[in-house]
Amino acid sequence: VHVVESGGGLVQPGGSLRLSCIASGDIRIINDMGWYRQTPEKQREWVAAIASGDTPRYADSVRGRFTASRDNAKNMVYLQMNNLKPEDTALYYCRYSDSEYVQWGQGTQVTVSS
């Protein structure tokens, strides 16, 4: 399984970004795809996840501002991030998991700064 994220960038506080993640290879029908983030000062932090056929789950720090969605036909997940704050600045990773595999992407940088 190969995972690739895209969509990061520089945005001002209060702005929005949409991250995308595509998984390819031996994709199982039942899987979970999630978003994590990490800064040099902190351990990797779970942000959101959405399993196939399930509703999204969110960390308290992003609930109400971030929205996760997925397109099962394309093996893609998205993270719509609104009302971004400087503390959302991080390298965002996509994670794919099923009953046999766990695969991480390389990450996409999100910087929130004026």
Protein backbone atom coordinates (compact mmCIF):
# COMPACT_ATOMS: atom_id res chain seq x y z
CA VAL A 1 0.00 0.00 0.00
CA HIS A 2 1.25 3.45 -0.94
CA VAL A 3 -0.10 6.64 0.65
CA VAL A 4 0.39 10.18 -0.64
CA GLU A 5 -0.85 13.43 0.88
CA SER A 6 -1.26 16.80 -0.80
CA GLY A 7 -2.82 20.20 -0.23
CA GLY A 8 -0.67 21.74 2.45
CA GLY A 9 0.56 25.31 2.33
CA LEU A 10 0.77 28.68 4.02
CA VAL A 11 -2.46 30.29 5.19
CA GLN A 12 -3.36 33.19 7.43
CA PRO A 13 -5.14 32.64 10.75
CA GLY A 14 -8.84 32.15 10.14
CA GLY A 15 -8.21 30.77 6.69
CA SER A 16 -8.94 27.36 5.20
CA LEU A 17 -7.08 24.52 3.53
CA ARG A 18 -8.15 21.17 2.16
CA LEU A 19 -5.82 18.22 2.43
CA SER A 20 -6.14 15.16 0.23
CA CYS A 21 -4.79 11.67 0.65
CA ILE A 22 -4.82 8.82 -1.83
CA ALA A 23 -4.05 5.20 -1.07
CA SER A 24 -3.04 2.79 -3.80
CA GLY A 25 -2.03 -0.83 -4.04
CA ASP A 26 -3.63 -3.73 -2.18
CA ILE A 27 -6.49 -1.75 -0.66
CA ARG A 28 -8.89 -3.76 1.48
CA ILE A 29 -12.61 -3.01 1.45
CA ILE A 30 -12.65 -2.56 5.21
CA ASN A 31 -10.03 -0.03 6.19
CA ASP A 32 -9.48 3.04 8.27
CA MET A 33 -7.83 6.20 7.03
CA GLY A 34 -6.82 8.96 9.35
CA TRP A 35 -4.96 12.19 9.73
CA TYR A 36 -2.20 12.93 12.23
CA ARG A 37 0.05 15.91 12.72
CA GLN A 38 3.44 16.53 14.24
CA THR A 39 5.68 19.44 15.12
CA PRO A 40 9.33 19.35 16.21
CA GLU A 41 8.19 20.11 19.77
CA LYS A 42 5.43 17.53 20.07
CA GLN A 43 4.78 13.86 19.50
CA ARG A 44 2.63 12.85 16.58
CA GLU A 45 -0.97 13.74 17.39
CA TRP A 46 -4.12 12.12 16.10
CA VAL A 47 -6.41 14.61 14.34
CA ALA A 48 -9.25 12.74 12.66
CA ALA A 49 -10.13 9.39 11.14
CA ILE A 50 -12.83 7.85 9.05
CA ALA A 51 -13.34 4.16 8.49
CA SER A 52 -15.02 2.73 5.44
CA GLY A 53 -18.77 2.83 6.01
CA ASP A 54 -18.44 4.81 9.21
CA THR A 55 -18.73 8.38 10.43
CA PRO A 56 -15.70 10.59 11.02
CA ARG A 57 -14.05 10.89 14.42
CA TYR A 58 -12.21 14.00 15.58
CA ALA A 59 -9.79 15.13 18.23
CA ASP A 60 -11.24 17.70 20.60
CA SER A 61 -8.76 20.30 19.39
CA VAL A 62 -10.19 20.31 15.84
CA ARG A 63 -13.82 19.28 16.28
CA GLY A 64 -16.12 21.89 14.75
CA ARG A 65 -13.35 23.31 12.56
CA PHE A 66 -12.10 20.30 10.60
CA THR A 67 -14.20 17.95 8.49
CA ALA A 68 -13.01 14.57 7.26
CA SER A 69 -14.59 12.82 4.30
CA ARG A 70 -13.73 9.98 1.97
CA ASP A 71 -14.36 8.74 -1.53
CA ASN A 72 -14.21 4.96 -1.38
CA ALA A 73 -14.31 4.57 -5.16
CA LYS A 74 -11.09 6.59 -5.42
CA ASN A 75 -9.51 5.36 -2.16
CA MET A 76 -9.17 8.95 -1.09
CA VAL A 77 -9.77 10.86 2.11
CA TYR A 78 -9.94 14.58 2.59
CA LEU A 79 -9.52 16.94 5.50
CA GLN A 80 -11.25 20.29 5.17
CA MET A 81 -9.68 22.64 7.68
CA ASN A 82 -11.49 25.87 8.48
CA ASN A 83 -10.79 28.67 10.93
CA LEU A 84 -7.16 27.65 11.08
CA LYS A 85 -5.08 28.75 14.05
CA PRO A 86 -1.32 29.18 14.44
CA GLU A 87 -1.31 26.11 16.71
CA ASP A 88 -2.54 24.03 13.77
CA THR A 89 0.84 24.52 12.14
CA ALA A 90 2.36 21.07 11.68
CA LEU A 91 3.35 18.37 9.26
CA TYR A 92 0.15 16.50 8.51
CA TYR A 93 0.30 12.78 7.82
CA CYS A 94 -2.24 10.42 6.33
CA ARG A 95 -2.39 6.90 7.73
CA TYR A 96 -3.97 3.87 6.11
CA SER A 97 -4.72 0.74 8.12
CA ASP A 98 -6.58 -2.53 7.62
CA SER A 99 -6.44 -5.96 9.22
CA GLU A 100 -2.91 -6.55 7.93
CA TYR A 101 -1.23 -3.26 7.02
CA VAL A 102 -0.44 0.12 8.45
CA GLN A 103 1.04 2.62 6.02
CA TRP A 104 1.94 6.26 6.47
CA GLY A 105 2.38 8.95 3.88
CA GLN A 106 5.34 11.32 3.77
CA GLY A 107 3.36 14.26 5.13
CA THR A 108 2.29 17.67 3.87
CA GLN A 109 3.24 20.88 5.67
CA VAL A 110 0.55 23.23 6.94
CA THR A 111 1.71 26.63 8.19
CA VAL A 112 -0.74 29.09 9.72
CA SER A 113 0.86 32.50 10.07
CA SER A 114 0.17 36.14 9.36
